[in-house]
Amino acid sequence: MDCIKDILFKENSKIVCLQEHWLFNFEKNSLDELFPECEWTAKSVDELNPIGPTQRPRGYGGVAILWREDIKHLIERLEEGNERIVCVKGSKYVNSEFNDILDQLREIINKYYPKYQFVLCGDWNCDISSRFQNIKLSERQAAMKNFLHETNLAYNETDVTFIHPNGQEVSTIDYIFKSKEIDEDLNLTKRLDMLPANTSDHHPIYTTIQCHFESKIKTAEKNQYPSKVNWSKIDLEKYQTEITNKINELEAKEKIIDVKDLTNALTVVQAKFSKKSKPHKQKNTHIWNDEIALVLLNNKKALFNWKEDGKPKSASARNHHMLELSHILKNSELCVKCRSLEKLEISTQLILDASALLCNCQCKCGCTDFLHLVEYISRKLCFALHIRRNTLLLTLPTNKKKGLLATTQSKA
């Protein structure tokens, strides 16, 4: 393995072809660990019929191709041939496409120079960092350096920005180019690290640029269209008289009235009788703070509670109904027949249906009127007060001075 690495890096080789490697199909991914700075494609002798780890013989007959990370954008893997053939394809048009993009950028800069200063940023797929100072530049790197020199652009170098799929940081291909007129001391570029939400294989880079802007106050646009005439507020007789006079004046000048003259006459009359609309007040000019917001929130809660209570006219009226019900329940008694409620359960539904509590007897005990009165007052209470109402009713004294709840429980 050390021999292959020496060929790749010490001899500055870009592509290395291997034959007769001993890796089986399940072992090919170990090339990522052996050559972390390279891309690869490989086939094993068991490519079409994989052999399990427990059945493998001595390895033989494998083929592979390794290429450097800096030319990976030029190489495309091909699925051709059997297990003894491995293929890749390069693009002879990649550099021409790159140069075409640089030419377009050069034209844009020349078009707006010297009135504007320029900032170009992005993934350039070209590493021009200081690591290549003592190494012969590739065609792409030379083209990029020449472009920066011709357009008078500069950049602040950052740490490595591209991350290989194996987790290794391999190259600096993300740059922010700025016009040299921008002060470099005030505009340093740095790499942003430790971003847990970043799922890209590139590190973001960040720069600051000192700019001067003139704020412009936006003026309200005047309404160019006339407001609609409110005919209900106009004296139609005077309006019709004025139009008639204008038409007579036009007829006196010419036998055939020009449409433009007639339109102008109608416009003048309308402007005379229609009232000018007042401009609307500017929006969002009212004072607002936390104290006002809290008061508004309390008002909304109070309105909600008032609606839940059945929209009573006042809180005193609601309290009056509750006090009246409490007084009636504490000072009333049920007859013997009406207190025989073994089969009934006291609930809100029964309270609102007074007939369910009646014994249907013909006695003159007054229970019917009493229970109907309870039902009538109960309907005026909010749901939150029903619990208090039920509690009072369950403690309602009977002839034997026992609460209704105690009576039903003892009989059960």
Protein backbone atom coordinates (compact mmCIF):
# COMPACT_ATOMS: atom_id res chain seq x y z
CA MET A 1 0.00 0.00 0.00
CA ASP A 2 2.85 2.38 0.75
CA CYS A 3 4.17 1.79 -2.76
CA ILE A 4 0.84 2.84 -4.30
CA LYS A 5 0.73 5.98 -2.13
CA ASP A 6 4.25 6.90 -3.22
CA ILE A 7 3.22 6.56 -6.86
CA LEU A 8 0.17 8.75 -6.29
CA PHE A 9 1.71 11.54 -4.26
CA LYS A 10 5.49 11.50 -4.46
CA GLU A 11 5.45 10.89 -8.20
CA ASN A 12 2.48 13.27 -8.50
CA SER A 13 0.40 10.71 -10.41
CA LYS A 14 -3.27 11.45 -10.98
CA ILE A 15 -4.54 7.97 -11.90
CA VAL A 16 -3.29 4.51 -10.86
CA CYS A 17 -4.60 1.23 -12.31
CA LEU A 18 -4.39 -1.92 -10.19
CA GLN A 19 -4.68 -5.54 -11.25
CA GLU A 20 -4.68 -8.86 -9.43
CA HIS A 21 -5.81 -7.33 -6.13
CA TRP A 22 -6.95 -9.79 -3.47
CA LEU A 23 -10.06 -8.01 -2.26
CA PHE A 24 -13.39 -9.83 -2.45
CA ASN A 25 -16.70 -8.09 -3.03
CA PHE A 26 -17.44 -7.51 0.67
CA GLU A 27 -13.92 -6.07 1.21
CA LYS A 28 -13.89 -3.39 -1.53
CA ASN A 29 -15.00 -0.60 0.82
CA SER A 30 -11.71 -0.96 2.68
CA LEU A 31 -10.19 1.13 -0.16
CA ASP A 32 -11.75 4.19 1.52
CA GLU A 33 -9.66 3.53 4.61
CA LEU A 34 -6.50 2.63 2.70
CA PHE A 35 -6.66 5.64 0.32
CA PRO A 36 -8.69 8.39 2.02
CA GLU A 37 -7.47 11.07 -0.43
CA CYS A 38 -8.55 9.17 -3.54
CA GLU A 39 -11.66 8.15 -5.40
CA TRP A 40 -11.86 4.61 -6.74
CA THR A 41 -13.81 2.04 -8.68
CA ALA A 42 -13.12 -1.69 -8.39
CA LYS A 43 -14.36 -5.16 -9.27
CA SER A 44 -13.62 -8.45 -7.52
CA VAL A 45 -13.39 -12.00 -8.76
CA ASP A 46 -16.72 -12.74 -7.04
CA GLU A 47 -18.45 -9.65 -8.46
CA LEU A 48 -21.24 -11.66 -10.10
CA ASN A 49 -21.36 -14.43 -7.49
CA PRO A 50 -20.38 -13.00 -4.10
CA ILE A 51 -18.55 -15.28 -1.68
CA GLY A 52 -19.26 -15.09 2.04
CA PRO A 53 -16.52 -14.24 4.58
CA THR A 54 -16.47 -17.81 5.91
CA GLN A 55 -16.03 -19.39 2.46
CA ARG A 56 -13.44 -17.13 0.85
CA PRO A 57 -10.28 -18.70 -0.66
CA ARG A 58 -7.07 -16.85 -1.29
CA GLY A 59 -7.79 -13.64 -3.23
CA TYR A 60 -6.90 -13.17 -6.89
CA GLY A 61 -7.95 -11.58 -10.18
CA GLY A 62 -9.36 -8.24 -8.98
CA VAL A 63 -9.05 -4.95 -10.91
CA ALA A 64 -9.34 -1.34 -9.70
CA ILE A 65 -8.67 2.26 -10.71
CA LEU A 66 -7.66 5.00 -8.24
CA TRP A 67 -7.59 8.72 -9.01
CA ARG A 68 -6.71 11.79 -7.02
CA GLU A 69 -9.36 13.82 -5.24
CA ASP A 70 -8.52 17.02 -7.13
CA ILE A 71 -9.63 15.54 -10.48
CA LYS A 72 -12.75 13.74 -9.31
CA HIS A 73 -14.93 16.22 -11.21
CA LEU A 74 -13.33 14.96 -14.43
CA ILE A 75 -13.93 11.24 -13.86
CA GLU A 76 -17.15 9.30 -14.34
CA ARG A 77 -17.54 5.61 -13.42
CA LEU A 78 -18.83 3.25 -16.13
CA GLU A 79 -20.67 -0.02 -15.56
CA GLU A 80 -19.10 -1.88 -18.47
CA GLY A 81 -17.52 -5.34 -18.86
CA ASN A 82 -17.42 -8.40 -16.65
CA GLU A 83 -15.64 -8.91 -13.32
CA ARG A 84 -12.24 -8.66 -15.02
CA ILE A 85 -12.87 -5.24 -16.62
CA VAL A 86 -13.30 -1.89 -14.85
CA CYS A 87 -13.86 1.37 -16.75
CA VAL A 88 -13.97 5.11 -16.12
CA LYS A 89 -14.61 8.03 -18.46
CA GLY A 90 -13.09 11.49 -18.45
CA SER A 91 -14.53 14.67 -19.95
CA LYS A 92 -12.46 16.61 -22.44
CA TYR A 93 -14.92 19.52 -22.28
CA VAL A 94 -14.78 20.23 -18.53
CA ASN A 95 -12.06 22.87 -18.69
CA SER A 96 -13.68 24.52 -21.71
CA GLU A 97 -16.97 24.79 -19.79
CA PHE A 98 -15.10 26.26 -16.82
CA ASN A 99 -13.36 28.80 -19.06
CA ASP A 100 -16.68 29.70 -20.66
CA ILE A 101 -18.13 30.56 -17.24
CA LEU A 102 -15.09 32.72 -16.45
CA ASP A 103 -15.51 34.54 -19.77
CA GLN A 104 -19.15 35.33 -18.98
CA LEU A 105 -18.21 36.67 -15.55
CA ARG A 106 -15.43 38.72 -17.13
CA GLU A 107 -17.93 40.33 -19.53
CA ILE A 108 -20.32 41.20 -16.70
CA ILE A 109 -17.53 42.82 -14.68
CA ASN A 110 -16.28 44.82 -17.66
CA LYS A 111 -19.81 46.03 -18.34
CA TYR A 112 -20.35 47.55 -14.89
CA TYR A 113 -16.77 48.60 -14.13
CA PRO A 114 -15.70 51.13 -12.72
CA LYS A 115 -19.08 52.37 -11.49
CA TYR A 116 -19.57 49.35 -9.22
CA GLN A 117 -17.48 47.15 -6.97
CA PHE A 118 -17.93 43.39 -7.19
CA VAL A 119 -18.39 40.43 -4.85
CA LEU A 120 -18.36 36.90 -6.34
CA CYS A 121 -18.99 33.90 -4.13
CA GLY A 122 -19.65 30.20 -4.60
CA ASP A 123 -18.20 26.72 -5.10
CA TRP A 124 -15.60 27.16 -7.85
CA ASN A 125 -14.44 23.51 -8.04
CA CYS A 126 -10.90 24.81 -8.09
CA ASP A 127 -8.41 24.84 -5.22
CA ILE A 128 -6.11 27.90 -5.41
CA SER A 129 -5.04 27.88 -1.78
CA SER A 130 -1.46 28.46 -0.65
CA ARG A 131 -0.84 24.70 -0.55
CA PHE A 132 -0.20 24.86 -4.31
CA GLN A 133 2.41 27.63 -4.27
CA ASN A 134 5.35 25.30 -4.89
CA ILE A 135 3.46 22.91 -7.17
CA LYS A 136 2.84 23.31 -10.86
CA LEU A 137 -0.68 24.63 -11.34
CA SER A 138 -3.23 22.71 -13.37
CA GLU A 139 -4.92 24.25 -16.38
CA ARG A 140 -7.99 25.11 -14.32
CA GLN A 141 -5.99 26.67 -11.48
CA ALA A 142 -3.99 28.76 -13.94
CA ALA A 143 -7.19 29.98 -15.61
CA MET A 144 -8.66 30.98 -12.25
CA LYS A 145 -5.51 32.86 -11.20
CA ASN A 146 -5.46 34.70 -14.53
CA PHE A 147 -9.15 35.61 -14.17
CA LEU A 148 -8.58 37.13 -10.71
CA HIS A 149 -5.62 39.13 -11.98
CA GLU A 150 -7.48 40.54 -15.01
CA THR A 151 -10.61 41.50 -13.06
CA ASN A 152 -8.66 42.97 -10.11
CA LEU A 153 -10.31 40.64 -7.59
CA ALA A 154 -8.84 39.42 -4.30
CA TYR A 155 -9.80 36.96 -1.58
CA ASN A 156 -8.99 36.01 2.00
CA GLU A 157 -7.87 32.41 2.28
CA THR A 158 -9.76 30.15 4.69
CA ASP A 159 -9.32 26.64 6.02
CA VAL A 160 -10.36 23.59 4.01
CA THR A 161 -14.03 23.87 3.00
CA PHE A 162 -14.83 20.58 1.24
CA ILE A 163 -15.40 17.33 3.15
CA HIS A 164 -14.86 13.95 1.49
CA PRO A 165 -17.60 11.31 2.04
CA ASN A 166 -15.13 9.43 4.24
CA GLY A 167 -15.12 12.42 6.63
CA GLN A 168 -11.73 13.87 5.65
CA GLU A 169 -11.37 17.60 4.84
CA VAL A 170 -9.56 17.57 1.52
CA SER A 171 -9.70 20.87 -0.41
CA THR A 172 -10.55 24.57 -0.38
CA ILE A 173 -12.89 25.19 -3.29
CA ASP A 174 -15.34 27.73 -1.78
CA TYR A 175 -14.28 31.37 -2.08
CA ILE A 176 -15.60 34.91 -1.81
CA PHE A 177 -13.84 37.16 -4.33
CA LYS A 178 -14.02 40.93 -3.78
CA SER A 179 -12.80 43.98 -5.63
CA LYS A 180 -9.42 45.14 -4.35
CA GLU A 181 -10.89 48.59 -3.66
CA ILE A 182 -12.67 47.02 -0.67
CA ASP A 183 -10.43 47.31 2.39
CA GLU A 184 -9.12 43.83 3.22
CA ASP A 185 -8.43 44.72 6.87
CA LEU A 186 -12.10 45.47 7.46
CA ASN A 187 -13.44 42.48 5.52
CA LEU A 188 -11.94 39.23 6.72
CA THR A 189 -13.36 35.92 5.51
CA LYS A 190 -13.61 32.96 7.85
CA ARG A 191 -14.98 29.43 7.83
CA LEU A 192 -18.00 28.67 10.01
CA ASP A 193 -17.46 25.55 12.09
CA MET A 194 -19.56 23.65 14.60
CA LEU A 195 -22.92 23.98 12.85
CA PRO A 196 -24.92 20.88 13.88
CA ALA A 197 -27.71 21.64 11.40
CA ASN A 198 -25.33 21.74 8.41
CA THR A 199 -25.79 18.53 6.38
CA SER A 200 -23.81 19.70 3.35
CA ASP A 201 -20.35 18.38 2.43
CA HIS A 202 -19.14 22.00 2.35
CA HIS A 203 -18.29 24.29 5.26
CA PRO A 204 -20.08 27.68 5.00
CA ILE A 205 -17.78 30.69 4.74
CA TYR A 206 -18.58 34.14 6.10
CA THR A 207 -17.33 37.63 5.35
CA THR A 208 -18.20 41.20 6.29
CA ILE A 209 -18.23 44.09 3.84
CA GLN A 210 -18.41 47.72 4.89
CA CYS A 211 -21.08 49.49 2.85
CA HIS A 212 -22.58 52.97 2.86
CA PHE A 213 -26.27 53.32 2.10
CA GLU A 214 -28.43 56.41 1.84
CA SER A 215 -31.82 55.87 3.45
CA LYS A 216 -34.78 57.09 1.46
CA ILE A 217 -38.03 58.10 3.11
CA LYS A 218 -40.94 56.57 1.29
CA THR A 219 -43.56 59.19 0.50
CA ALA A 220 -47.21 58.34 0.32
CA GLU A 221 -48.40 58.08 -3.24
CA LYS A 222 -51.21 60.39 -4.17
CA ASN A 223 -54.40 58.87 -5.46
CA GLN A 224 -54.49 59.61 -9.16
CA TYR A 225 -58.06 58.44 -9.55
CA PRO A 226 -61.04 60.61 -8.50
CA SER A 227 -63.15 59.35 -5.64
CA LYS A 228 -66.60 57.97 -6.29
CA VAL A 229 -69.32 60.63 -6.11
CA ASN A 230 -71.85 60.19 -3.31
CA TRP A 231 -74.97 61.29 -5.19
CA SER A 232 -77.14 61.15 -2.07
CA LYS A 233 -75.32 64.22 -0.71
CA ILE A 234 -75.49 66.31 -3.90
CA ASP A 235 -78.24 68.69 -4.95
CA LEU A 236 -79.26 66.97 -8.18
CA GLU A 237 -81.34 69.92 -9.42
CA LYS A 238 -78.40 72.33 -9.24
CA TYR A 239 -76.17 69.67 -10.76
CA GLN A 240 -78.54 69.15 -13.69
CA THR A 241 -78.94 72.91 -14.16
CA GLU A 242 -75.17 73.38 -14.26
CA ILE A 243 -74.79 70.64 -16.89
CA THR A 244 -77.55 72.18 -19.01
CA ASN A 245 -75.83 75.57 -18.90
CA LYS A 246 -72.52 74.05 -19.97
CA ILE A 247 -74.13 72.22 -22.88
CA ASN A 248 -75.91 75.41 -23.98
CA GLU A 249 -72.58 77.24 -23.97
CA LEU A 250 -71.05 74.57 -26.18
CA GLU A 251 -74.01 74.58 -28.57
CA ALA A 252 -73.77 78.34 -28.85
CA LYS A 253 -70.17 78.07 -30.02
CA GLU A 254 -70.54 75.11 -32.36
CA LYS A 255 -73.48 73.31 -33.91
CA ILE A 256 -71.82 69.92 -33.47
CA ILE A 257 -70.35 69.42 -30.00
CA ASP A 258 -66.97 67.77 -29.85
CA VAL A 259 -66.83 64.72 -27.58
CA LYS A 260 -63.69 66.01 -25.84
CA ASP A 261 -65.31 69.35 -25.06
CA LEU A 262 -68.39 67.60 -23.68
CA THR A 263 -66.26 65.31 -21.53
CA ASN A 264 -64.27 68.25 -20.15
CA ALA A 265 -67.49 70.09 -19.34
CA LEU A 266 -68.90 67.13 -17.42
CA THR A 267 -65.61 66.74 -15.54
CA VAL A 268 -65.62 70.40 -14.50
CA VAL A 269 -69.19 70.17 -13.22
CA GLN A 270 -68.49 66.97 -11.32
CA ALA A 271 -65.40 68.45 -9.69
CA LYS A 272 -67.44 71.48 -8.65
CA PHE A 273 -70.16 69.50 -6.90
CA SER A 274 -68.21 66.51 -5.54
CA LYS A 275 -66.48 66.91 -2.19
CA LYS A 276 -62.80 66.22 -1.97
CA SER A 277 -62.01 63.07 -0.02
CA LYS A 278 -59.97 63.47 3.12
CA PRO A 279 -56.68 61.56 3.21
CA HIS A 280 -56.61 58.51 5.41
CA LYS A 281 -54.52 58.61 8.52
CA GLN A 282 -51.24 56.81 8.39
CA LYS A 283 -51.47 53.26 9.61
CA ASN A 284 -49.72 51.90 12.68
CA THR A 285 -49.08 55.27 14.31
CA HIS A 286 -50.79 54.39 17.61
CA ILE A 287 -48.81 53.93 20.80
CA TRP A 288 -48.33 50.34 21.93
CA ASN A 289 -46.52 48.76 24.86
CA ASP A 290 -46.62 45.69 27.12
CA GLU A 291 -49.01 47.30 29.58
CA ILE A 292 -51.58 48.04 26.88
CA ALA A 293 -51.18 44.51 25.50
CA LEU A 294 -51.88 43.01 28.95
CA VAL A 295 -55.00 45.14 29.41
CA LEU A 296 -56.26 44.10 25.96
CA LEU A 297 -55.70 40.43 26.80
CA ASN A 298 -57.67 40.77 30.04
CA ASN A 299 -60.50 42.49 28.16
CA LYS A 300 -60.69 39.61 25.69
CA LYS A 301 -60.82 37.09 28.54
CA ALA A 302 -63.57 39.08 30.25
CA LEU A 303 -65.57 39.17 26.99
CA PHE A 304 -65.19 35.39 26.59
CA ASN A 305 -66.38 34.72 30.16
CA TRP A 306 -69.33 37.07 29.68
CA LYS A 307 -70.43 35.16 26.56
CA GLU A 308 -70.03 31.83 28.39
CA ASP A 309 -72.31 33.15 31.15
CA GLY A 310 -75.10 33.75 28.65
CA LYS A 311 -74.36 37.47 28.18
CA PRO A 312 -75.93 38.70 31.47
CA LYS A 313 -76.72 42.38 31.69
CA SER A 314 -74.47 42.76 34.69
CA ALA A 315 -72.43 40.70 37.13
CA SER A 316 -74.69 41.84 39.96
CA ALA A 317 -77.70 40.23 38.24
CA ARG A 318 -75.90 36.89 37.99
CA ASN A 319 -74.86 37.05 41.64
CA HIS A 320 -78.43 37.93 42.55
CA HIS A 321 -79.71 34.74 40.90
CA MET A 322 -77.15 32.65 42.77
CA LEU A 323 -78.01 34.22 46.13
CA GLU A 324 -81.71 33.77 45.44
CA LEU A 325 -81.22 30.09 44.61
CA SER A 326 -79.11 29.54 47.74
CA HIS A 327 -81.78 31.14 49.92
CA ILE A 328 -84.57 29.01 48.43
CA LEU A 329 -82.66 25.75 48.76
CA LYS A 330 -81.67 26.43 52.36
CA ASN A 331 -85.18 27.37 53.50
CA SER A 332 -87.33 24.78 51.67
CA GLU A 333 -88.44 21.21 52.33
CA LEU A 334 -89.71 18.39 50.14
CA CYS A 335 -92.73 16.28 50.96
CA VAL A 336 -92.36 12.61 51.90
CA LYS A 337 -93.35 11.35 48.45
CA CYS A 338 -91.04 13.71 46.56
CA ARG A 339 -88.06 12.75 48.65
CA SER A 340 -88.42 9.04 47.69
CA LEU A 341 -85.78 9.26 44.98
CA GLU A 342 -84.03 5.91 45.27
CA LYS A 343 -84.19 5.39 41.51
CA LEU A 344 -83.00 8.91 40.62
CA GLU A 345 -79.49 10.29 40.46
CA ILE A 346 -78.98 13.98 41.05
CA SER A 347 -77.22 15.46 38.02
CA THR A 348 -77.21 18.58 35.92
CA GLN A 349 -79.61 17.02 33.44
CA LEU A 350 -82.14 16.21 36.18
CA ILE A 351 -81.80 19.64 37.69
CA LEU A 352 -82.64 21.27 34.36
CA ASP A 353 -85.62 18.93 33.94
CA ALA A 354 -87.76 19.61 37.01
CA SER A 355 -90.42 17.06 36.04
CA ALA A 356 -87.94 14.23 36.65
CA LEU A 357 -87.91 15.08 40.37
CA LEU A 358 -91.69 15.23 40.82
CA CYS A 359 -93.72 12.41 42.33
CA ASN A 360 -96.72 13.34 40.11
CA CYS A 361 -98.92 13.30 43.18
CA GLN A 362 -101.94 15.54 43.56
CA CYS A 363 -100.79 16.82 46.93
CA LYS A 364 -100.64 20.50 47.63
CA CYS A 365 -97.16 20.42 49.11
CA GLY A 366 -95.83 23.10 46.76
CA CYS A 367 -92.96 20.88 45.51
CA THR A 368 -93.96 21.48 41.90
CA ASP A 369 -93.68 25.23 42.17
CA PHE A 370 -90.47 24.92 44.15
CA LEU A 371 -88.72 22.67 41.64
CA HIS A 372 -89.87 24.76 38.69
CA LEU A 373 -88.44 27.80 40.43
CA VAL A 374 -85.14 25.97 40.90
CA GLU A 375 -85.12 25.08 37.21
CA TYR A 376 -85.92 28.64 36.17
CA ILE A 377 -83.14 30.17 38.24
CA SER A 378 -80.68 27.43 37.28
CA ARG A 379 -81.06 28.24 33.61
CA LYS A 380 -79.86 31.77 34.34
CA LEU A 381 -76.63 30.55 35.87
CA CYS A 382 -73.42 29.97 33.96
CA PHE A 383 -72.08 26.44 33.72
CA ALA A 384 -69.35 27.20 36.26
CA LEU A 385 -72.02 27.92 38.91
CA HIS A 386 -73.91 24.67 38.27
CA ILE A 387 -71.52 22.85 40.59
CA ARG A 388 -72.40 25.17 43.46
CA ARG A 389 -76.10 24.80 42.63
CA ASN A 390 -75.89 20.99 42.68
CA THR A 391 -74.03 21.05 45.99
CA LEU A 392 -76.77 23.15 47.57
CA LEU A 393 -79.49 20.92 46.17
CA LEU A 394 -77.88 17.73 47.47
CA THR A 395 -77.79 19.24 50.96
CA LEU A 396 -81.44 20.29 50.68
CA PRO A 397 -83.19 19.47 54.00
CA THR A 398 -86.18 17.13 53.97
CA ASN A 399 -88.98 16.74 56.55
CA LYS A 400 -86.59 14.82 58.78
CA LYS A 401 -83.92 17.52 58.47
CA LYS A 402 -81.63 15.26 56.43
CA GLY A 403 -79.99 16.28 53.24
CA LEU A 404 -81.33 14.82 50.01
CA LEU A 405 -77.94 13.22 49.33
CA ALA A 406 -77.85 11.61 52.76
CA THR A 407 -81.39 10.30 52.23
CA THR A 408 -80.62 8.61 48.90
CA GLN A 409 -77.37 7.12 50.19
CA SER A 410 -79.00 5.65 53.31
CA LYS A 411 -81.76 4.03 51.23
CA ALA A 412 -79.30 2.61 48.72
